[in-house]
N, C-alpha and C. Protein backbone atom coordinates (compact mmCIF):
# COMPACT_ATOMS: atom_id res chain seq x y z
N MET A 1 58.17 24.84 -11.34
CA MET A 1 57.46 23.84 -10.53
C MET A 1 56.58 24.56 -9.53
N SER A 2 55.26 24.26 -9.54
CA SER A 2 54.41 24.80 -8.53
C SER A 2 54.02 23.66 -7.63
N GLN A 3 54.25 23.83 -6.33
CA GLN A 3 54.08 22.69 -5.44
C GLN A 3 53.60 23.17 -4.09
N LEU A 4 52.65 22.48 -3.51
CA LEU A 4 52.16 22.78 -2.18
C LEU A 4 52.55 21.66 -1.25
N GLU A 5 52.98 22.03 -0.02
CA GLU A 5 53.29 21.00 0.96
C GLU A 5 52.02 20.25 1.25
N CYS A 6 52.10 18.94 1.24
CA CYS A 6 50.89 18.14 1.35
C CYS A 6 50.92 17.28 2.59
N ASP A 7 49.77 17.17 3.24
CA ASP A 7 49.63 16.25 4.34
C ASP A 7 48.40 15.41 4.06
N ASP A 8 47.86 14.76 5.09
CA ASP A 8 46.73 13.88 4.87
C ASP A 8 45.50 14.63 4.39
N VAL A 9 45.40 15.91 4.71
CA VAL A 9 44.21 16.67 4.36
C VAL A 9 44.44 17.57 3.16
N LYS A 10 45.58 18.27 3.12
CA LYS A 10 45.85 19.22 2.06
C LYS A 10 46.10 18.50 0.74
N CYS A 11 45.64 19.11 -0.33
CA CYS A 11 45.86 18.55 -1.66
C CYS A 11 47.14 19.11 -2.24
N SER A 12 47.90 18.28 -2.93
CA SER A 12 49.15 18.72 -3.52
C SER A 12 49.20 18.31 -4.98
N THR A 13 49.53 19.25 -5.84
CA THR A 13 49.69 18.95 -7.26
C THR A 13 51.04 19.38 -7.71
N LEU A 14 51.56 18.74 -8.74
CA LEU A 14 52.87 19.08 -9.30
C LEU A 14 52.70 19.54 -10.73
N ASP A 15 53.25 20.69 -11.03
CA ASP A 15 53.13 21.27 -12.37
C ASP A 15 54.52 21.56 -12.86
N ILE A 16 55.18 20.58 -13.51
CA ILE A 16 56.57 20.71 -13.91
C ILE A 16 56.66 20.91 -15.41
N GLY A 17 57.56 21.81 -15.82
CA GLY A 17 57.84 21.93 -17.23
C GLY A 17 56.83 22.73 -18.02
N ARG A 18 55.87 23.34 -17.37
CA ARG A 18 54.89 24.13 -18.09
C ARG A 18 55.24 25.59 -17.98
N THR A 19 55.22 26.30 -19.08
CA THR A 19 55.44 27.74 -19.06
C THR A 19 54.15 28.42 -18.65
N ARG A 20 54.24 29.72 -18.37
CA ARG A 20 53.04 30.44 -17.98
C ARG A 20 52.01 30.43 -19.11
N THR A 21 52.50 30.50 -20.33
CA THR A 21 51.59 30.46 -21.47
C THR A 21 50.87 29.13 -21.55
N GLU A 22 51.65 28.05 -21.37
CA GLU A 22 51.05 26.73 -21.42
C GLU A 22 50.03 26.57 -20.32
N ALA A 23 50.36 27.12 -19.12
CA ALA A 23 49.45 26.99 -17.99
C ALA A 23 48.14 27.72 -18.27
N GLY A 24 48.23 28.83 -19.02
CA GLY A 24 47.03 29.60 -19.30
C GLY A 24 46.22 29.06 -20.46
N THR A 25 46.82 28.19 -21.28
CA THR A 25 46.12 27.70 -22.47
C THR A 25 45.94 26.19 -22.45
N SER A 26 46.09 25.58 -21.28
CA SER A 26 45.96 24.13 -21.21
C SER A 26 44.54 23.72 -21.54
N THR A 27 44.43 22.60 -22.20
CA THR A 27 43.12 22.10 -22.61
C THR A 27 42.61 21.12 -21.58
N SER A 28 41.35 20.78 -21.68
CA SER A 28 40.75 19.84 -20.73
C SER A 28 41.39 18.47 -20.86
N SER A 29 41.82 18.09 -22.07
CA SER A 29 42.43 16.78 -22.26
C SER A 29 43.75 16.69 -21.55
N SER A 30 44.56 17.79 -21.55
CA SER A 30 45.86 17.76 -20.88
C SER A 30 45.68 17.68 -19.38
N VAL A 31 44.59 18.30 -18.86
CA VAL A 31 44.32 18.23 -17.43
C VAL A 31 43.98 16.81 -17.04
N GLU A 32 43.22 16.13 -17.89
CA GLU A 32 42.83 14.76 -17.59
C GLU A 32 44.04 13.84 -17.57
N GLN A 33 45.03 14.11 -18.38
CA GLN A 33 46.20 13.26 -18.43
C GLN A 33 47.10 13.44 -17.21
N ARG A 34 46.95 14.56 -16.52
CA ARG A 34 47.77 14.84 -15.35
C ARG A 34 46.91 14.70 -14.10
N PRO A 35 46.98 13.57 -13.42
CA PRO A 35 46.08 13.33 -12.28
C PRO A 35 46.36 14.27 -11.12
N GLN A 36 45.30 14.58 -10.38
CA GLN A 36 45.41 15.37 -9.17
C GLN A 36 45.93 14.45 -8.06
N LEU A 37 47.02 14.86 -7.43
CA LEU A 37 47.71 13.97 -6.50
C LEU A 37 47.69 14.50 -5.07
N ARG A 38 47.72 13.57 -4.16
CA ARG A 38 47.93 13.88 -2.74
C ARG A 38 49.04 12.98 -2.23
N VAL A 39 49.91 13.55 -1.46
CA VAL A 39 50.97 12.76 -0.83
C VAL A 39 50.80 12.84 0.67
N SER A 40 50.79 11.70 1.34
CA SER A 40 50.57 11.68 2.78
C SER A 40 51.54 10.72 3.45
N ARG A 41 51.84 11.00 4.68
CA ARG A 41 52.72 10.13 5.47
C ARG A 41 51.98 8.86 5.88
N VAL A 42 52.72 7.79 5.99
CA VAL A 42 52.16 6.54 6.52
C VAL A 42 52.24 6.64 8.04
N ARG A 43 51.09 6.62 8.68
CA ARG A 43 51.06 6.88 10.12
C ARG A 43 50.45 5.74 10.94
N ASP A 44 49.19 5.42 10.66
CA ASP A 44 48.49 4.47 11.52
C ASP A 44 48.39 3.09 10.86
N TYR A 45 47.67 2.21 11.52
CA TYR A 45 47.58 0.82 11.05
C TYR A 45 46.87 0.73 9.70
N ARG A 46 45.93 1.65 9.43
CA ARG A 46 45.24 1.63 8.15
C ARG A 46 46.20 1.99 7.01
N ASP A 47 47.02 3.02 7.24
CA ASP A 47 48.03 3.39 6.25
C ASP A 47 48.99 2.24 5.99
N LYS A 48 49.42 1.60 7.08
CA LYS A 48 50.39 0.51 6.95
C LYS A 48 49.79 -0.68 6.20
N TYR A 49 48.49 -0.89 6.39
CA TYR A 49 47.81 -1.98 5.68
C TYR A 49 47.79 -1.69 4.17
N ILE A 50 47.48 -0.45 3.80
CA ILE A 50 47.45 -0.06 2.39
C ILE A 50 48.85 -0.13 1.79
N LEU A 51 49.83 0.37 2.56
CA LEU A 51 51.23 0.32 2.09
C LEU A 51 51.67 -1.12 1.85
N ARG A 52 51.28 -2.00 2.74
CA ARG A 52 51.65 -3.42 2.58
C ARG A 52 51.12 -3.98 1.26
N GLY A 53 49.89 -3.61 0.92
CA GLY A 53 49.32 -4.07 -0.35
C GLY A 53 50.11 -3.56 -1.55
N LEU A 54 50.50 -2.28 -1.49
CA LEU A 54 51.30 -1.72 -2.57
C LEU A 54 52.67 -2.39 -2.65
N GLN A 55 53.24 -2.69 -1.50
CA GLN A 55 54.55 -3.35 -1.50
C GLN A 55 54.46 -4.78 -2.01
N ASP A 56 53.34 -5.44 -1.75
CA ASP A 56 53.14 -6.78 -2.32
C ASP A 56 53.17 -6.71 -3.85
N GLU A 57 52.51 -5.68 -4.41
CA GLU A 57 52.52 -5.49 -5.86
C GLU A 57 53.94 -5.20 -6.35
N ALA A 58 54.63 -4.32 -5.62
CA ALA A 58 55.99 -3.93 -6.02
C ALA A 58 56.93 -5.12 -6.02
N ARG A 59 56.77 -6.02 -5.07
CA ARG A 59 57.68 -7.16 -4.95
C ARG A 59 57.47 -8.20 -6.05
N VAL A 60 56.32 -8.14 -6.71
CA VAL A 60 56.11 -9.03 -7.85
C VAL A 60 57.06 -8.63 -8.98
N GLU A 61 57.21 -7.31 -9.19
CA GLU A 61 58.13 -6.80 -10.21
C GLU A 61 59.57 -6.78 -9.72
N ASN A 62 59.73 -6.50 -8.43
CA ASN A 62 61.08 -6.33 -7.85
C ASN A 62 61.19 -7.19 -6.60
N PRO A 63 61.52 -8.47 -6.76
CA PRO A 63 61.58 -9.38 -5.60
C PRO A 63 62.57 -8.92 -4.53
N GLY A 64 63.54 -8.09 -4.90
CA GLY A 64 64.52 -7.63 -3.93
C GLY A 64 64.03 -6.52 -3.03
N PHE A 65 62.85 -5.97 -3.32
CA PHE A 65 62.30 -4.90 -2.48
C PHE A 65 61.97 -5.46 -1.09
N MET A 66 62.41 -4.75 -0.07
CA MET A 66 62.14 -5.16 1.31
C MET A 66 60.92 -4.43 1.84
N TYR A 67 60.20 -5.07 2.75
CA TYR A 67 59.08 -4.41 3.40
C TYR A 67 59.58 -3.32 4.35
N LEU A 68 58.72 -2.37 4.62
CA LEU A 68 59.06 -1.26 5.51
C LEU A 68 59.56 -1.78 6.85
N ILE A 69 60.70 -1.27 7.29
CA ILE A 69 61.26 -1.63 8.59
C ILE A 69 60.79 -0.58 9.59
N GLU A 70 59.81 -0.91 10.38
CA GLU A 70 59.24 0.06 11.32
C GLU A 70 60.27 0.43 12.38
N GLY A 71 60.28 1.70 12.70
CA GLY A 71 61.22 2.22 13.67
C GLY A 71 62.54 2.65 13.06
N LYS A 72 62.78 2.23 11.83
CA LYS A 72 64.02 2.56 11.14
C LYS A 72 63.76 3.32 9.85
N GLU A 73 62.63 3.02 9.22
CA GLU A 73 62.27 3.66 7.96
C GLU A 73 60.91 4.35 8.08
N LYS A 74 60.70 5.31 7.20
CA LYS A 74 59.41 5.99 7.10
C LYS A 74 58.94 5.90 5.66
N ALA A 75 57.65 6.15 5.45
CA ALA A 75 57.10 6.03 4.10
C ALA A 75 56.03 7.09 3.87
N LYS A 76 55.86 7.41 2.59
CA LYS A 76 54.77 8.28 2.15
C LYS A 76 54.08 7.61 0.97
N MET A 77 52.78 7.81 0.88
CA MET A 77 52.02 7.26 -0.24
C MET A 77 51.45 8.40 -1.08
N VAL A 78 51.25 8.12 -2.36
CA VAL A 78 50.64 9.09 -3.26
C VAL A 78 49.27 8.57 -3.67
N TRP A 79 48.30 9.48 -3.65
CA TRP A 79 46.91 9.13 -3.95
C TRP A 79 46.44 9.93 -5.15
N VAL A 80 45.57 9.33 -5.95
CA VAL A 80 44.95 10.01 -7.08
C VAL A 80 43.49 10.29 -6.75
N GLU A 81 43.09 11.52 -7.02
CA GLU A 81 41.69 11.89 -6.78
C GLU A 81 40.82 11.35 -7.90
N LYS A 82 39.79 10.60 -7.52
CA LYS A 82 38.82 10.08 -8.48
C LYS A 82 37.42 10.40 -7.99
N GLU A 83 36.44 10.17 -8.85
CA GLU A 83 35.07 10.50 -8.50
C GLU A 83 34.62 9.75 -7.25
N ARG A 84 35.10 8.53 -7.11
CA ARG A 84 34.68 7.71 -5.97
C ARG A 84 35.50 7.98 -4.71
N GLY A 85 36.52 8.83 -4.84
CA GLY A 85 37.36 9.12 -3.68
C GLY A 85 38.84 9.03 -4.06
N LEU A 86 39.68 8.78 -3.07
CA LEU A 86 41.12 8.70 -3.29
C LEU A 86 41.57 7.26 -3.50
N GLU A 87 42.48 7.08 -4.45
CA GLU A 87 43.02 5.75 -4.74
C GLU A 87 44.54 5.77 -4.56
N PRO A 88 45.09 4.86 -3.74
CA PRO A 88 46.54 4.81 -3.57
C PRO A 88 47.20 4.22 -4.81
N VAL A 89 48.22 4.90 -5.35
CA VAL A 89 48.83 4.44 -6.60
C VAL A 89 50.35 4.29 -6.51
N GLY A 90 50.93 4.59 -5.35
CA GLY A 90 52.38 4.46 -5.24
C GLY A 90 52.87 4.90 -3.87
N TYR A 91 54.17 4.78 -3.68
CA TYR A 91 54.76 5.13 -2.39
C TYR A 91 56.26 5.32 -2.56
N TYR A 92 56.87 5.89 -1.54
CA TYR A 92 58.33 5.84 -1.42
C TYR A 92 58.72 5.67 0.03
N ILE A 93 59.86 5.05 0.24
CA ILE A 93 60.38 4.78 1.57
C ILE A 93 61.70 5.54 1.74
N TYR A 94 61.91 6.09 2.91
CA TYR A 94 63.14 6.84 3.17
C TYR A 94 63.58 6.65 4.62
N ARG A 95 64.81 7.05 4.87
CA ARG A 95 65.36 7.00 6.23
C ARG A 95 65.89 8.38 6.60
N GLU A 96 65.62 8.79 7.83
CA GLU A 96 66.12 10.06 8.32
C GLU A 96 67.61 9.94 8.64
N PRO A 97 68.34 11.06 8.66
CA PRO A 97 69.76 11.01 9.05
C PRO A 97 69.90 10.41 10.45
N ARG A 98 70.94 9.64 10.64
CA ARG A 98 71.10 8.96 11.93
C ARG A 98 72.54 8.52 12.12
N ARG A 99 72.92 8.35 13.36
CA ARG A 99 74.20 7.73 13.69
C ARG A 99 73.92 6.28 14.07
N GLU A 100 74.62 5.38 13.39
CA GLU A 100 74.31 3.96 13.56
C GLU A 100 75.57 3.13 13.32
N PHE A 101 75.62 1.99 13.96
CA PHE A 101 76.76 1.09 13.78
C PHE A 101 76.70 0.45 12.40
N SER A 102 77.83 0.47 11.69
CA SER A 102 77.95 -0.20 10.40
C SER A 102 78.96 -1.34 10.55
N LYS A 103 78.53 -2.52 10.19
CA LYS A 103 79.43 -3.66 10.29
C LYS A 103 80.58 -3.54 9.29
N TYR A 104 80.37 -2.72 8.25
CA TYR A 104 81.41 -2.55 7.25
C TYR A 104 82.46 -1.52 7.69
N ALA A 105 82.03 -0.56 8.50
CA ALA A 105 82.97 0.43 9.04
C ALA A 105 83.53 -0.01 10.38
N HIS A 106 82.91 -1.03 10.99
CA HIS A 106 83.31 -1.53 12.32
C HIS A 106 83.24 -0.44 13.37
N SER A 107 82.30 0.50 13.17
CA SER A 107 82.13 1.59 14.13
C SER A 107 80.80 2.28 13.86
N VAL A 108 80.48 3.22 14.73
CA VAL A 108 79.28 4.03 14.52
C VAL A 108 79.59 5.13 13.52
N VAL A 109 78.76 5.27 12.50
CA VAL A 109 78.98 6.26 11.44
C VAL A 109 77.72 7.11 11.25
N GLN A 110 77.88 8.21 10.55
CA GLN A 110 76.77 9.10 10.26
C GLN A 110 76.15 8.73 8.91
N PHE A 111 74.93 8.22 8.96
CA PHE A 111 74.20 7.91 7.74
C PHE A 111 73.44 9.15 7.29
N PRO A 112 73.43 9.44 5.99
CA PRO A 112 72.67 10.60 5.50
C PRO A 112 71.19 10.26 5.37
N MET A 113 70.39 11.27 5.14
CA MET A 113 69.00 11.02 4.80
C MET A 113 68.98 10.25 3.49
N LEU A 114 68.22 9.17 3.45
CA LEU A 114 68.37 8.21 2.35
C LEU A 114 67.03 7.89 1.69
N PHE A 115 67.00 8.01 0.36
CA PHE A 115 65.86 7.60 -0.45
C PHE A 115 66.04 6.12 -0.72
N SER A 116 65.13 5.30 -0.19
CA SER A 116 65.37 3.86 -0.18
C SER A 116 64.60 3.09 -1.26
N GLN A 117 63.35 3.49 -1.52
CA GLN A 117 62.53 2.67 -2.42
C GLN A 117 61.39 3.51 -2.98
N VAL A 118 61.03 3.28 -4.24
CA VAL A 118 59.90 3.98 -4.84
C VAL A 118 59.15 3.04 -5.77
N TYR A 119 57.83 3.18 -5.78
CA TYR A 119 57.01 2.32 -6.64
C TYR A 119 55.76 3.08 -7.05
N VAL A 120 55.38 2.92 -8.33
CA VAL A 120 54.14 3.48 -8.86
C VAL A 120 53.44 2.38 -9.65
N ARG A 121 52.16 2.25 -9.47
CA ARG A 121 51.41 1.24 -10.20
C ARG A 121 51.55 1.46 -11.71
N PRO A 122 51.63 0.37 -12.49
CA PRO A 122 51.90 0.48 -13.94
C PRO A 122 50.98 1.43 -14.68
N GLU A 123 49.69 1.44 -14.36
CA GLU A 123 48.75 2.28 -15.12
C GLU A 123 48.93 3.77 -14.84
N PHE A 124 49.71 4.11 -13.83
CA PHE A 124 49.94 5.52 -13.51
C PHE A 124 51.37 5.96 -13.78
N ARG A 125 52.12 5.14 -14.49
CA ARG A 125 53.47 5.52 -14.85
C ARG A 125 53.45 6.45 -16.06
N ARG A 126 54.54 7.19 -16.22
CA ARG A 126 54.66 8.19 -17.30
C ARG A 126 53.61 9.30 -17.17
N LYS A 127 53.18 9.52 -15.95
CA LYS A 127 52.24 10.61 -15.66
C LYS A 127 52.79 11.52 -14.58
N ARG A 128 54.11 11.47 -14.38
CA ARG A 128 54.83 12.31 -13.44
C ARG A 128 54.52 12.02 -11.98
N VAL A 129 53.97 10.84 -11.72
CA VAL A 129 53.68 10.47 -10.34
C VAL A 129 54.99 10.19 -9.59
N ALA A 130 55.89 9.43 -10.22
CA ALA A 130 57.19 9.16 -9.59
C ALA A 130 57.98 10.45 -9.42
N THR A 131 57.88 11.35 -10.40
CA THR A 131 58.55 12.64 -10.29
C THR A 131 58.05 13.39 -9.07
N ARG A 132 56.74 13.35 -8.83
CA ARG A 132 56.17 14.01 -7.66
C ARG A 132 56.74 13.45 -6.37
N LEU A 133 56.91 12.14 -6.32
CA LEU A 133 57.44 11.49 -5.12
C LEU A 133 58.90 11.87 -4.90
N VAL A 134 59.70 11.87 -5.95
CA VAL A 134 61.11 12.23 -5.82
C VAL A 134 61.25 13.68 -5.38
N TYR A 135 60.46 14.57 -5.96
CA TYR A 135 60.51 15.97 -5.56
C TYR A 135 60.10 16.15 -4.10
N ASP A 136 59.15 15.37 -3.66
CA ASP A 136 58.73 15.43 -2.25
C ASP A 136 59.90 15.09 -1.34
N PHE A 137 60.65 14.05 -1.72
CA PHE A 137 61.82 13.67 -0.92
C PHE A 137 62.89 14.75 -0.96
N ILE A 138 63.16 15.30 -2.15
CA ILE A 138 64.18 16.33 -2.29
C ILE A 138 63.85 17.54 -1.42
N ASN A 139 62.59 17.97 -1.46
CA ASN A 139 62.18 19.11 -0.65
C ASN A 139 62.29 18.81 0.85
N HIS A 140 62.00 17.58 1.21
CA HIS A 140 62.07 17.18 2.61
C HIS A 140 63.52 17.12 3.09
N SER A 141 64.42 16.71 2.21
CA SER A 141 65.83 16.58 2.60
C SER A 141 66.48 17.94 2.80
N GLY A 142 66.08 18.93 2.01
CA GLY A 142 66.60 20.28 2.17
C GLY A 142 68.08 20.41 1.90
N SER A 143 68.63 19.59 1.01
CA SER A 143 70.06 19.62 0.71
C SER A 143 70.29 19.58 -0.79
N ASP A 144 71.43 20.14 -1.23
CA ASP A 144 71.79 20.06 -2.64
C ASP A 144 72.17 18.64 -3.04
N THR A 145 72.63 17.88 -2.06
CA THR A 145 73.05 16.50 -2.30
C THR A 145 71.98 15.55 -1.78
N ILE A 146 71.58 14.58 -2.57
CA ILE A 146 70.65 13.56 -2.10
C ILE A 146 71.33 12.20 -2.20
N TRP A 147 70.96 11.32 -1.29
CA TRP A 147 71.53 9.97 -1.24
C TRP A 147 70.44 8.96 -1.55
N VAL A 148 70.77 8.00 -2.40
CA VAL A 148 69.81 6.99 -2.84
C VAL A 148 70.42 5.61 -2.59
N GLU A 149 69.60 4.71 -2.09
CA GLU A 149 70.08 3.36 -1.80
C GLU A 149 69.92 2.46 -3.02
N SER A 150 71.05 1.96 -3.52
CA SER A 150 71.07 0.99 -4.62
C SER A 150 70.03 1.29 -5.69
N PRO A 151 70.12 2.45 -6.35
CA PRO A 151 69.09 2.84 -7.32
C PRO A 151 69.04 1.93 -8.54
N LYS A 152 67.80 1.62 -8.97
CA LYS A 152 67.60 0.86 -10.20
C LYS A 152 67.81 1.79 -11.38
N ASN A 153 67.92 1.21 -12.57
CA ASN A 153 68.15 2.00 -13.78
C ASN A 153 67.04 3.02 -14.00
N GLU A 154 65.80 2.64 -13.69
CA GLU A 154 64.69 3.56 -13.87
C GLU A 154 64.82 4.77 -12.95
N THR A 155 65.28 4.51 -11.73
CA THR A 155 65.47 5.61 -10.77
C THR A 155 66.60 6.52 -11.21
N LYS A 156 67.67 5.93 -11.71
CA LYS A 156 68.79 6.73 -12.21
C LYS A 156 68.35 7.62 -13.37
N ALA A 157 67.56 7.05 -14.27
CA ALA A 157 67.08 7.82 -15.42
C ALA A 157 66.20 8.98 -14.98
N LEU A 158 65.37 8.75 -13.97
CA LEU A 158 64.51 9.81 -13.46
C LEU A 158 65.33 10.91 -12.80
N LEU A 159 66.35 10.53 -12.04
CA LEU A 159 67.22 11.52 -11.40
C LEU A 159 67.96 12.35 -12.45
N ASN A 160 68.43 11.68 -13.50
CA ASN A 160 69.09 12.41 -14.59
C ASN A 160 68.13 13.40 -15.24
N LYS A 161 66.90 12.98 -15.43
CA LYS A 161 65.89 13.85 -16.03
C LYS A 161 65.66 15.09 -15.18
N LEU A 162 65.79 14.94 -13.87
CA LEU A 162 65.58 16.07 -12.96
C LEU A 162 66.85 16.89 -12.75
N GLY A 163 67.94 16.50 -13.46
CA GLY A 163 69.18 17.28 -13.38
C GLY A 163 70.17 16.78 -12.36
N TYR A 164 69.95 15.58 -11.80
CA TYR A 164 70.86 15.03 -10.80
C TYR A 164 71.77 13.97 -11.43
N TYR A 165 73.04 14.02 -11.05
CA TYR A 165 74.02 13.08 -11.57
C TYR A 165 74.91 12.60 -10.44
N GLU A 166 75.44 11.40 -10.62
CA GLU A 166 76.35 10.84 -9.63
C GLU A 166 77.76 11.34 -9.94
N PRO A 167 78.32 12.23 -9.11
CA PRO A 167 79.62 12.83 -9.42
C PRO A 167 80.77 11.85 -9.18
N HIS A 168 81.91 12.19 -9.76
CA HIS A 168 83.11 11.37 -9.60
C HIS A 168 83.78 11.72 -8.27
N ILE A 169 83.15 11.26 -7.21
CA ILE A 169 83.66 11.48 -5.86
C ILE A 169 83.83 10.12 -5.20
N ARG A 170 84.99 9.91 -4.64
CA ARG A 170 85.28 8.59 -4.06
C ARG A 170 84.41 8.34 -2.84
N TYR A 171 83.81 7.16 -2.80
CA TYR A 171 83.02 6.73 -1.65
C TYR A 171 83.92 6.08 -0.61
N GLU A 172 83.50 6.16 0.64
CA GLU A 172 84.17 5.36 1.66
C GLU A 172 83.69 3.92 1.49
N LEU A 173 84.52 2.98 1.92
CA LEU A 173 84.20 1.58 1.72
C LEU A 173 82.86 1.20 2.33
N TRP A 174 82.58 1.67 3.53
CA TRP A 174 81.33 1.29 4.19
C TRP A 174 80.13 1.85 3.44
N GLN A 175 80.29 3.02 2.80
CA GLN A 175 79.19 3.59 2.02
C GLN A 175 78.87 2.72 0.82
N MET A 176 79.90 2.24 0.14
CA MET A 176 79.67 1.35 -1.01
C MET A 176 79.01 0.05 -0.57
N MET A 177 79.48 -0.52 0.55
CA MET A 177 78.93 -1.79 1.02
C MET A 177 77.50 -1.64 1.51
N GLU A 178 77.15 -0.46 2.00
CA GLU A 178 75.79 -0.21 2.46
C GLU A 178 74.86 0.15 1.29
N GLY A 179 75.42 0.28 0.09
CA GLY A 179 74.61 0.56 -1.09
C GLY A 179 74.24 2.01 -1.27
N LEU A 180 75.00 2.92 -0.64
CA LEU A 180 74.69 4.35 -0.74
C LEU A 180 75.25 4.94 -2.03
N SER A 181 74.48 5.80 -2.66
CA SER A 181 74.96 6.52 -3.84
C SER A 181 74.61 7.99 -3.69
N ARG A 182 75.53 8.84 -4.11
CA ARG A 182 75.41 10.29 -3.94
C ARG A 182 75.00 10.94 -5.26
N TRP A 183 74.02 11.85 -5.22
CA TRP A 183 73.53 12.51 -6.43
C TRP A 183 73.48 14.01 -6.20
N MET A 184 73.97 14.76 -7.20
CA MET A 184 74.03 16.22 -7.09
C MET A 184 73.46 16.86 -8.35
N LYS A 185 72.97 18.07 -8.17
CA LYS A 185 72.52 18.87 -9.31
C LYS A 185 73.74 19.33 -10.09
N ILE A 186 73.78 19.06 -11.38
CA ILE A 186 74.95 19.41 -12.17
C ILE A 186 75.15 20.91 -12.20
N GLU A 187 74.08 21.71 -12.15
CA GLU A 187 74.22 23.16 -12.18
C GLU A 187 74.94 23.69 -10.95
N ASN A 188 74.83 22.94 -9.83
CA ASN A 188 75.52 23.37 -8.62
C ASN A 188 77.04 23.32 -8.79
N PHE A 189 77.51 22.30 -9.53
CA PHE A 189 78.94 22.21 -9.81
C PHE A 189 79.40 23.42 -10.60
N VAL A 190 78.65 23.71 -11.66
CA VAL A 190 79.06 24.78 -12.57
C VAL A 190 79.06 26.13 -11.87
N ILE A 191 77.98 26.44 -11.17
CA ILE A 191 77.87 27.74 -10.51
C ILE A 191 78.95 27.92 -9.46
N ARG A 192 79.15 26.91 -8.63
CA ARG A 192 80.10 27.07 -7.55
C ARG A 192 81.54 26.98 -8.03
N ALA A 193 81.76 26.30 -9.13
CA ALA A 193 83.12 26.23 -9.67
C ALA A 193 83.59 27.61 -10.10
N LYS A 194 82.68 28.44 -10.61
CA LYS A 194 83.06 29.76 -11.08
C LYS A 194 83.48 30.67 -9.92
N LEU A 195 83.06 30.32 -8.71
CA LEU A 195 83.38 31.15 -7.57
C LEU A 195 84.73 30.80 -6.94
N VAL A 196 85.36 29.75 -7.42
CA VAL A 196 86.65 29.34 -6.87
C VAL A 196 87.77 30.13 -7.54
N PRO A 197 88.65 30.83 -6.78
CA PRO A 197 89.74 31.60 -7.38
C PRO A 197 90.67 30.72 -8.18
N ALA A 198 91.10 31.19 -9.33
CA ALA A 198 91.99 30.41 -10.18
C ALA A 198 93.35 30.22 -9.55
N THR A 199 93.69 31.08 -8.57
CA THR A 199 95.01 31.00 -7.92
C THR A 199 95.02 30.03 -6.75
N ALA A 200 93.88 29.45 -6.44
CA ALA A 200 93.83 28.53 -5.30
C ALA A 200 94.73 27.34 -5.55
N GLU A 201 95.41 26.90 -4.47
CA GLU A 201 96.33 25.77 -4.61
C GLU A 201 95.58 24.51 -4.99
N GLU A 202 94.42 24.31 -4.40
CA GLU A 202 93.60 23.14 -4.72
C GLU A 202 92.19 23.63 -4.99
N LEU A 203 91.74 23.54 -6.22
CA LEU A 203 90.42 24.00 -6.57
C LEU A 203 89.40 22.98 -6.08
N ARG A 204 88.62 23.39 -5.10
CA ARG A 204 87.66 22.48 -4.48
C ARG A 204 86.27 23.09 -4.55
N VAL A 205 85.33 22.30 -5.06
CA VAL A 205 83.96 22.76 -5.23
C VAL A 205 83.09 22.14 -4.14
N TRP A 206 82.32 22.99 -3.48
CA TRP A 206 81.44 22.51 -2.41
C TRP A 206 80.01 22.43 -2.91
N CYS A 207 79.35 21.34 -2.58
CA CYS A 207 77.94 21.15 -2.94
C CYS A 207 77.22 20.61 -1.70
N GLY A 208 76.48 21.46 -1.01
CA GLY A 208 75.86 21.02 0.23
C GLY A 208 76.95 20.75 1.26
N ASP A 209 76.95 19.56 1.82
CA ASP A 209 77.95 19.20 2.81
C ASP A 209 79.07 18.35 2.21
N THR A 210 79.18 18.35 0.88
CA THR A 210 80.16 17.51 0.20
C THR A 210 81.04 18.37 -0.70
N SER A 211 82.31 18.02 -0.79
CA SER A 211 83.21 18.76 -1.66
C SER A 211 83.88 17.81 -2.64
N VAL A 212 84.36 18.38 -3.74
CA VAL A 212 85.05 17.59 -4.74
C VAL A 212 86.14 18.46 -5.35
N VAL A 213 87.30 17.87 -5.63
CA VAL A 213 88.37 18.61 -6.27
C VAL A 213 87.96 18.91 -7.70
N LEU A 214 88.13 20.17 -8.10
CA LEU A 214 87.66 20.60 -9.41
C LEU A 214 88.28 19.77 -10.54
N GLU A 215 89.49 19.33 -10.34
CA GLU A 215 90.18 18.54 -11.37
C GLU A 215 89.39 17.30 -11.72
N ASP A 216 88.65 16.75 -10.73
CA ASP A 216 87.87 15.54 -10.97
C ASP A 216 86.67 15.80 -11.88
N LEU A 217 86.32 17.08 -12.07
CA LEU A 217 85.14 17.39 -12.89
C LEU A 217 85.51 17.64 -14.34
N ARG A 218 86.79 17.71 -14.65
CA ARG A 218 87.22 18.03 -16.02
C ARG A 218 87.26 16.77 -16.88
């Protein structure tokens, strides 16, 4: 994966799954199929206006999608470079880690950084645009473990494609009620499991800030 950190000015492209040979022998047609992308934060009223339009489109397909909750959630949009300029084609919404009262826990709890919502316009699907957005979130989270809010089947399939799986780790009741789901790179389980001594009384594998008893992985 070759990736540049992107802001409102810098251009960012995602090149996943290509070998060096493929990169050196790519044809003009393959370049055309892979749009040049920019990812930018939603900051001012103009960004919020554009995001609202995208969310209106998203809610036609997914009536359960909620509008951005300002002050609690943040968003990024993805743009495609065209001859006439930049065109917004999707977005994702996320929440930063925070301590907040949960009515299900009846106390203040630590919420993880959370991937809340993602949408890409139909004509730009299957062009790795959603993959670019998910990778942007993963890089921003900086953890082996990512948390996703009530993921749809399409989101689960994309996470699986990127090597992330929901491990057999028991959730706390408030986490389930809040719709949180935990996703880990399967390779992290394998690599770290090999480092656990066989003589240990309880074989426990650590992944980021989360652990799981090795027996649960068999």
